[in-house]
PDB file of N, CA and C in Angstrom:
ATOM      1  N   UNK A   1     -27.346 -35.425 -10.453  1.00  0.00           N
ATOM      2  CA  UNK A   1     -26.061 -34.797 -10.615  1.00  0.00           C
ATOM      3  C   UNK A   1     -25.021 -35.645  -9.877  1.00  0.00           C
ATOM      4  N   UNK A   2     -23.937 -35.935 -10.573  1.00  0.00           N
ATOM      5  CA  UNK A   2     -22.833 -36.675  -9.987  1.00  0.00           C
ATOM      6  C   UNK A   2     -21.589 -35.797 -10.012  1.00  0.00           C
ATOM      7  N   UNK A   3     -21.004 -35.595  -8.850  1.00  0.00           N
ATOM      8  CA  UNK A   3     -19.780 -34.816  -8.731  1.00  0.00           C
ATOM      9  C   UNK A   3     -18.605 -35.792  -8.692  1.00  0.00           C
ATOM     10  N   UNK A   4     -17.623 -35.529  -9.541  1.00  0.00           N
ATOM     11  CA  UNK A   4     -16.421 -36.339  -9.600  1.00  0.00           C
ATOM     12  C   UNK A   4     -15.265 -35.525  -9.001  1.00  0.00           C
ATOM     13  N   UNK A   5     -14.515 -36.139  -8.102  1.00  0.00           N
ATOM     14  CA  UNK A   5     -13.355 -35.495  -7.495  1.00  0.00           C
ATOM     15  C   UNK A   5     -12.094 -36.022  -8.160  1.00  0.00           C
ATOM     16  N   UNK A   6     -11.175 -35.095  -8.440  1.00  0.00           N
ATOM     17  CA  UNK A   6      -9.917 -35.457  -9.087  1.00  0.00           C
ATOM     18  C   UNK A   6      -8.767 -34.744  -8.397  1.00  0.00           C
ATOM     19  N   UNK A   7      -7.637 -35.431  -8.284  1.00  0.00           N
ATOM     20  CA  UNK A   7      -6.423 -34.805  -7.765  1.00  0.00           C
ATOM     21  C   UNK A   7      -5.562 -34.438  -8.969  1.00  0.00           C
ATOM     22  N   UNK A   8      -5.797 -33.217  -9.486  1.00  0.00           N
ATOM     23  CA  UNK A   8      -5.080 -32.756 -10.676  1.00  0.00           C
ATOM     24  C   UNK A   8      -4.708 -31.287 -10.530  1.00  0.00           C
ATOM     25  N   UNK A   9      -3.645 -30.900 -11.232  1.00  0.00           N
ATOM     26  CA  UNK A   9      -3.235 -29.498 -11.285  1.00  0.00           C
ATOM     27  C   UNK A   9      -3.399 -28.925 -12.683  1.00  0.00           C
ATOM     28  N   UNK A  10      -3.515 -29.777 -13.671  1.00  0.00           N
ATOM     29  CA  UNK A  10      -3.630 -29.327 -15.061  1.00  0.00           C
ATOM     30  C   UNK A  10      -5.080 -28.947 -15.349  1.00  0.00           C
ATOM     31  N   UNK A  11      -5.402 -27.689 -15.043  1.00  0.00           N
ATOM     32  CA  UNK A  11      -6.768 -27.180 -15.162  1.00  0.00           C
ATOM     33  C   UNK A  11      -6.742 -25.983 -16.107  1.00  0.00           C
ATOM     34  N   UNK A  12      -7.680 -25.928 -17.012  1.00  0.00           N
ATOM     35  CA  UNK A  12      -7.797 -24.828 -17.959  1.00  0.00           C
ATOM     36  C   UNK A  12      -7.989 -23.507 -17.217  1.00  0.00           C
ATOM     37  N   UNK A  13      -7.246 -22.484 -17.622  1.00  0.00           N
ATOM     38  CA  UNK A  13      -7.334 -21.174 -16.967  1.00  0.00           C
ATOM     39  C   UNK A  13      -8.751 -20.609 -17.001  1.00  0.00           C
ATOM     40  N   UNK A  14      -9.460 -20.838 -18.095  1.00  0.00           N
ATOM     41  CA  UNK A  14     -10.827 -20.313 -18.188  1.00  0.00           C
ATOM     42  C   UNK A  14     -11.729 -20.969 -17.150  1.00  0.00           C
ATOM     43  N   UNK A  15     -11.560 -22.271 -16.929  1.00  0.00           N
ATOM     44  CA  UNK A  15     -12.365 -22.976 -15.926  1.00  0.00           C
ATOM     45  C   UNK A  15     -12.085 -22.424 -14.528  1.00  0.00           C
ATOM     46  N   UNK A  16     -10.810 -22.167 -14.251  1.00  0.00           N
ATOM     47  CA  UNK A  16     -10.429 -21.595 -12.956  1.00  0.00           C
ATOM     48  C   UNK A  16     -11.050 -20.204 -12.799  1.00  0.00           C
ATOM     49  N   UNK A  17     -10.936 -19.397 -13.835  1.00  0.00           N
ATOM     50  CA  UNK A  17     -11.469 -18.038 -13.790  1.00  0.00           C
ATOM     51  C   UNK A  17     -12.988 -18.057 -13.584  1.00  0.00           C
ATOM     52  N   UNK A  18     -13.683 -18.916 -14.299  1.00  0.00           N
ATOM     53  CA  UNK A  18     -15.143 -19.003 -14.152  1.00  0.00           C
ATOM     54  C   UNK A  18     -15.529 -19.419 -12.737  1.00  0.00           C
ATOM     55  N   UNK A  19     -14.797 -20.367 -12.161  1.00  0.00           N
ATOM     56  CA  UNK A  19     -15.092 -20.799 -10.798  1.00  0.00           C
ATOM     57  C   UNK A  19     -14.922 -19.645  -9.815  1.00  0.00           C
ATOM     58  N   UNK A  20     -13.817 -18.935  -9.908  1.00  0.00           N
ATOM     59  CA  UNK A  20     -13.566 -17.850  -8.958  1.00  0.00           C
ATOM     60  C   UNK A  20     -14.532 -16.682  -9.163  1.00  0.00           C
ATOM     61  N   UNK A  21     -14.890 -16.398 -10.388  1.00  0.00           N
ATOM     62  CA  UNK A  21     -15.883 -15.343 -10.625  1.00  0.00           C
ATOM     63  C   UNK A  21     -17.266 -15.764 -10.144  1.00  0.00           C
ATOM     64  N   UNK A  22     -17.554 -17.060 -10.146  1.00  0.00           N
ATOM     65  CA  UNK A  22     -18.879 -17.525  -9.700  1.00  0.00           C
ATOM     66  C   UNK A  22     -19.126 -17.232  -8.226  1.00  0.00           C
ATOM     67  N   UNK A  23     -18.056 -17.037  -7.464  1.00  0.00           N
ATOM     68  CA  UNK A  23     -18.188 -16.697  -6.051  1.00  0.00           C
ATOM     69  C   UNK A  23     -17.727 -15.261  -5.774  1.00  0.00           C
ATOM     70  N   UNK A  24     -17.648 -14.477  -6.857  1.00  0.00           N
ATOM     71  CA  UNK A  24     -17.302 -13.055  -6.767  1.00  0.00           C
ATOM     72  C   UNK A  24     -15.951 -12.804  -6.105  1.00  0.00           C
ATOM     73  N   UNK A  25     -14.993 -13.693  -6.360  1.00  0.00           N
ATOM     74  CA  UNK A  25     -13.642 -13.474  -5.857  1.00  0.00           C
ATOM     75  C   UNK A  25     -12.864 -12.674  -6.889  1.00  0.00           C
ATOM     76  N   UNK A  26     -12.326 -11.548  -6.472  1.00  0.00           N
ATOM     77  CA  UNK A  26     -11.571 -10.664  -7.353  1.00  0.00           C
ATOM     78  C   UNK A  26     -10.369 -11.370  -7.967  1.00  0.00           C
ATOM     79  N   UNK A  27      -9.855 -12.386  -7.294  1.00  0.00           N
ATOM     80  CA  UNK A  27      -8.694 -13.119  -7.826  1.00  0.00           C
ATOM     81  C   UNK A  27      -9.023 -13.802  -9.149  1.00  0.00           C
ATOM     82  N   UNK A  28     -10.302 -13.953  -9.458  1.00  0.00           N
ATOM     83  CA  UNK A  28     -10.705 -14.496 -10.750  1.00  0.00           C
ATOM     84  C   UNK A  28     -10.266 -13.616 -11.915  1.00  0.00           C
ATOM     85  N   UNK A  29      -9.931 -12.372 -11.616  1.00  0.00           N
ATOM     86  CA  UNK A  29      -9.441 -11.462 -12.656  1.00  0.00           C
ATOM     87  C   UNK A  29      -7.992 -11.748 -13.036  1.00  0.00           C
ATOM     88  N   UNK A  30      -7.357 -12.661 -12.319  1.00  0.00           N
ATOM     89  CA  UNK A  30      -5.933 -12.950 -12.526  1.00  0.00           C
ATOM     90  C   UNK A  30      -5.704 -14.452 -12.729  1.00  0.00           C
ATOM     91  N   UNK A  31      -6.238 -15.000 -13.819  1.00  0.00           N
ATOM     92  CA  UNK A  31      -6.146 -16.450 -14.026  1.00  0.00           C
ATOM     93  C   UNK A  31      -4.715 -16.967 -14.131  1.00  0.00           C
ATOM     94  N   UNK A  32      -3.794 -16.161 -14.637  1.00  0.00           N
ATOM     95  CA  UNK A  32      -2.391 -16.595 -14.720  1.00  0.00           C
ATOM     96  C   UNK A  32      -1.813 -16.803 -13.315  1.00  0.00           C
ATOM     97  N   UNK A  33      -2.125 -15.885 -12.401  1.00  0.00           N
ATOM     98  CA  UNK A  33      -1.650 -16.006 -11.023  1.00  0.00           C
ATOM     99  C   UNK A  33      -2.284 -17.208 -10.334  1.00  0.00           C
ATOM    100  N   UNK A  34      -3.571 -17.417 -10.575  1.00  0.00           N
ATOM    101  CA  UNK A  34      -4.247 -18.573  -9.985  1.00  0.00           C
ATOM    102  C   UNK A  34      -3.643 -19.873 -10.494  1.00  0.00           C
ATOM    103  N   UNK A  35      -3.389 -19.931 -11.795  1.00  0.00           N
ATOM    104  CA  UNK A  35      -2.795 -21.123 -12.395  1.00  0.00           C
ATOM    105  C   UNK A  35      -1.425 -21.394 -11.777  1.00  0.00           C
ATOM    106  N   UNK A  36      -0.628 -20.354 -11.588  1.00  0.00           N
ATOM    107  CA  UNK A  36       0.685 -20.510 -10.978  1.00  0.00           C
ATOM    108  C   UNK A  36       0.557 -21.003  -9.536  1.00  0.00           C
ATOM    109  N   UNK A  37      -0.384 -20.439  -8.787  1.00  0.00           N
ATOM    110  CA  UNK A  37      -0.592 -20.866  -7.398  1.00  0.00           C
ATOM    111  C   UNK A  37      -1.004 -22.333  -7.342  1.00  0.00           C
ATOM    112  N   UNK A  38      -1.860 -22.740  -8.251  1.00  0.00           N
ATOM    113  CA  UNK A  38      -2.294 -24.141  -8.299  1.00  0.00           C
ATOM    114  C   UNK A  38      -1.110 -25.045  -8.635  1.00  0.00           C
ATOM    115  N   UNK A  39      -0.334 -24.660  -9.618  1.00  0.00           N
ATOM    116  CA  UNK A  39       0.826 -25.474 -10.013  1.00  0.00           C
ATOM    117  C   UNK A  39       1.861 -25.581  -8.898  1.00  0.00           C
ATOM    118  N   UNK A  40       1.948 -24.556  -8.052  1.00  0.00           N
ATOM    119  CA  UNK A  40       2.923 -24.553  -6.961  1.00  0.00           C
ATOM    120  C   UNK A  40       2.376 -25.164  -5.673  1.00  0.00           C
ATOM    121  N   UNK A  41       1.137 -25.569  -5.674  1.00  0.00           N
ATOM    122  CA  UNK A  41       0.531 -26.171  -4.487  1.00  0.00           C
ATOM    123  C   UNK A  41       1.032 -27.594  -4.291  1.00  0.00           C
ATOM    124  N   UNK A  42       1.023 -28.023  -3.054  1.00  0.00           N
ATOM    125  CA  UNK A  42       1.413 -29.397  -2.735  1.00  0.00           C
ATOM    126  C   UNK A  42       0.395 -30.377  -3.300  1.00  0.00           C
ATOM    127  N   UNK A  43      -0.874 -30.119  -3.038  1.00  0.00           N
ATOM    128  CA  UNK A  43      -1.966 -30.990  -3.488  1.00  0.00           C
ATOM    129  C   UNK A  43      -3.130 -30.122  -3.939  1.00  0.00           C
ATOM    130  N   UNK A  44      -3.792 -30.542  -5.000  1.00  0.00           N
ATOM    131  CA  UNK A  44      -4.985 -29.851  -5.494  1.00  0.00           C
ATOM    132  C   UNK A  44      -6.065 -30.908  -5.726  1.00  0.00           C
ATOM    133  N   UNK A  45      -7.227 -30.698  -5.110  1.00  0.00           N
ATOM    134  CA  UNK A  45      -8.383 -31.563  -5.320  1.00  0.00           C
ATOM    135  C   UNK A  45      -9.444 -30.719  -6.007  1.00  0.00           C
ATOM    136  N   UNK A  46      -9.962 -31.224  -7.119  1.00  0.00           N
ATOM    137  CA  UNK A  46     -10.993 -30.498  -7.859  1.00  0.00           C
ATOM    138  C   UNK A  46     -12.290 -31.287  -7.843  1.00  0.00           C
ATOM    139  N   UNK A  47     -13.385 -30.582  -8.031  1.00  0.00           N
ATOM    140  CA  UNK A  47     -14.710 -31.196  -8.126  1.00  0.00           C
ATOM    141  C   UNK A  47     -15.310 -30.805  -9.468  1.00  0.00           C
ATOM    142  N   UNK A  48     -15.850 -31.791 -10.168  1.00  0.00           N
ATOM    143  CA  UNK A  48     -16.360 -31.587 -11.521  1.00  0.00           C
ATOM    144  C   UNK A  48     -17.796 -32.082 -11.627  1.00  0.00           C
ATOM    145  N   UNK A  49     -18.636 -31.278 -12.245  1.00  0.00           N
ATOM    146  CA  UNK A  49     -19.982 -31.680 -12.651  1.00  0.00           C
ATOM    147  C   UNK A  49     -19.903 -31.846 -14.160  1.00  0.00           C
ATOM    148  N   UNK A  50     -19.712 -33.070 -14.600  1.00  0.00           N
ATOM    149  CA  UNK A  50     -19.431 -33.396 -15.999  1.00  0.00           C
ATOM    150  C   UNK A  50     -18.107 -32.731 -16.369  1.00  0.00           C
ATOM    151  N   UNK A  51     -18.112 -31.750 -17.277  1.00  0.00           N
ATOM    152  CA  UNK A  51     -16.861 -31.092 -17.676  1.00  0.00           C
ATOM    153  C   UNK A  51     -16.692 -29.721 -17.029  1.00  0.00           C
ATOM    154  N   UNK A  52     -17.585 -29.349 -16.124  1.00  0.00           N
ATOM    155  CA  UNK A  52     -17.531 -28.029 -15.482  1.00  0.00           C
ATOM    156  C   UNK A  52     -16.841 -28.132 -14.124  1.00  0.00           C
ATOM    157  N   UNK A  53     -15.818 -27.300 -13.933  1.00  0.00           N
ATOM    158  CA  UNK A  53     -15.144 -27.203 -12.643  1.00  0.00           C
ATOM    159  C   UNK A  53     -16.076 -26.502 -11.662  1.00  0.00           C
ATOM    160  N   UNK A  54     -16.452 -27.190 -10.583  1.00  0.00           N
ATOM    161  CA  UNK A  54     -17.402 -26.610  -9.633  1.00  0.00           C
ATOM    162  C   UNK A  54     -16.814 -26.459  -8.238  1.00  0.00           C
ATOM    163  N   UNK A  55     -15.588 -26.931  -8.034  1.00  0.00           N
ATOM    164  CA  UNK A  55     -14.959 -26.781  -6.730  1.00  0.00           C
ATOM    165  C   UNK A  55     -13.478 -27.057  -6.813  1.00  0.00           C
ATOM    166  N   UNK A  56     -12.743 -26.488  -5.868  1.00  0.00           N
ATOM    167  CA  UNK A  56     -11.294 -26.653  -5.857  1.00  0.00           C
ATOM    168  C   UNK A  56     -10.778 -26.382  -4.452  1.00  0.00           C
ATOM    169  N   UNK A  57      -9.888 -27.243  -3.992  1.00  0.00           N
ATOM    170  CA  UNK A  57      -9.182 -27.039  -2.730  1.00  0.00           C
ATOM    171  C   UNK A  57      -7.711 -27.247  -3.017  1.00  0.00           C
ATOM    172  N   UNK A  58      -6.880 -26.356  -2.515  1.00  0.00           N
ATOM    173  CA  UNK A  58      -5.445 -26.580  -2.650  1.00  0.00           C
ATOM    174  C   UNK A  58      -4.828 -26.630  -1.268  1.00  0.00           C
ATOM    175  N   UNK A  59      -3.747 -27.376  -1.153  1.00  0.00           N
ATOM    176  CA  UNK A  59      -3.061 -27.505   0.135  1.00  0.00           C
ATOM    177  C   UNK A  59      -1.580 -27.197  -0.045  1.00  0.00           C
ATOM    178  N   UNK A  60      -1.071 -26.464   0.908  1.00  0.00           N
ATOM    179  CA  UNK A  60       0.359 -26.252   0.996  1.00  0.00           C
ATOM    180  C   UNK A  60       0.909 -27.376   1.875  1.00  0.00           C
ATOM    181  N   UNK A  61       2.187 -27.445   2.002  1.00  0.00           N
ATOM    182  CA  UNK A  61       2.754 -28.510   2.826  1.00  0.00           C
ATOM    183  C   UNK A  61       2.386 -28.350   4.300  1.00  0.00           C
ATOM    184  N   UNK A  62       1.943 -27.150   4.690  1.00  0.00           N
ATOM    185  CA  UNK A  62       1.577 -26.921   6.089  1.00  0.00           C
ATOM    186  C   UNK A  62       0.067 -26.817   6.309  1.00  0.00           C
ATOM    187  N   UNK A  63      -0.762 -27.119   5.290  1.00  0.00           N
ATOM    188  CA  UNK A  63      -2.201 -27.118   5.490  1.00  0.00           C
ATOM    189  C   UNK A  63      -2.962 -26.512   4.338  1.00  0.00           C
ATOM    190  N   UNK A  64      -4.260 -26.337   4.533  1.00  0.00           N
ATOM    191  CA  UNK A  64      -5.129 -25.818   3.483  1.00  0.00           C
ATOM    192  C   UNK A  64      -4.950 -24.325   3.347  1.00  0.00           C
ATOM    193  N   UNK A  65      -4.811 -23.857   2.113  1.00  0.00           N
ATOM    194  CA  UNK A  65      -4.636 -22.440   1.839  1.00  0.00           C
ATOM    195  C   UNK A  65      -5.974 -21.785   1.514  1.00  0.00           C
ATOM    196  N   UNK A  66      -6.694 -22.282   0.530  1.00  0.00           N
ATOM    197  CA  UNK A  66      -7.986 -21.707   0.170  1.00  0.00           C
ATOM    198  C   UNK A  66      -8.821 -22.735  -0.555  1.00  0.00           C
ATOM    199  N   UNK A  67     -10.105 -22.456  -0.642  1.00  0.00           N
ATOM    200  CA  UNK A  67     -11.008 -23.319  -1.402  1.00  0.00           C
ATOM    201  C   UNK A  67     -12.056 -22.455  -2.051  1.00  0.00           C
ATOM    202  N   UNK A  68     -12.662 -22.989  -3.080  1.00  0.00           N
ATOM    203  CA  UNK A  68     -13.758 -22.285  -3.745  1.00  0.00           C
ATOM    204  C   UNK A  68     -14.732 -23.329  -4.283  1.00  0.00           C
ATOM    205  N   UNK A  69     -15.999 -22.993  -4.243  1.00  0.00           N
ATOM    206  CA  UNK A  69     -16.994 -23.782  -4.957  1.00  0.00           C
ATOM    207  C   UNK A  69     -17.992 -22.807  -5.543  1.00  0.00           C
ATOM    208  N   UNK A  70     -18.670 -23.239  -6.578  1.00  0.00           N
ATOM    209  CA  UNK A  70     -19.484 -22.302  -7.353  1.00  0.00           C
ATOM    210  C   UNK A  70     -20.806 -21.915  -6.704  1.00  0.00           C
ATOM    211  N   UNK A  71     -21.075 -22.357  -5.491  1.00  0.00           N
ATOM    212  CA  UNK A  71     -22.293 -21.966  -4.809  1.00  0.00           C
ATOM    213  C   UNK A  71     -23.478 -22.858  -5.111  1.00  0.00           C
ATOM    214  N   UNK A  72     -23.566 -23.377  -6.316  1.00  0.00           N
ATOM    215  CA  UNK A  72     -24.641 -24.283  -6.689  1.00  0.00           C
ATOM    216  C   UNK A  72     -24.343 -25.712  -6.248  1.00  0.00           C
ATOM    217  N   UNK A  73     -23.086 -25.983  -5.975  1.00  0.00           N
ATOM    218  CA  UNK A  73     -22.643 -27.325  -5.637  1.00  0.00           C
ATOM    219  C   UNK A  73     -22.030 -27.371  -4.228  1.00  0.00           C
ATOM    220  N   UNK A  74     -22.408 -26.434  -3.378  1.00  0.00           N
ATOM    221  CA  UNK A  74     -21.796 -26.322  -2.049  1.00  0.00           C
ATOM    222  C   UNK A  74     -22.090 -27.509  -1.158  1.00  0.00           C
TER     223      UNK A  74
END
């Protein structure tokens, strides 16, 4: 397994929702809000296993806000 890291904000809402639901985060029920938060972040680093989003970290201008990984790729 090779994990690829990317600094991108253009992420499919379904991929974001699946990632957040994989760790039982209730915010996964609100993909539009998550997408907006990602777009408004200073920096977003994602982790991909082929085409599957398996991790995400976002940073505000004053530091890290939150992160998620799917548990299988921790």
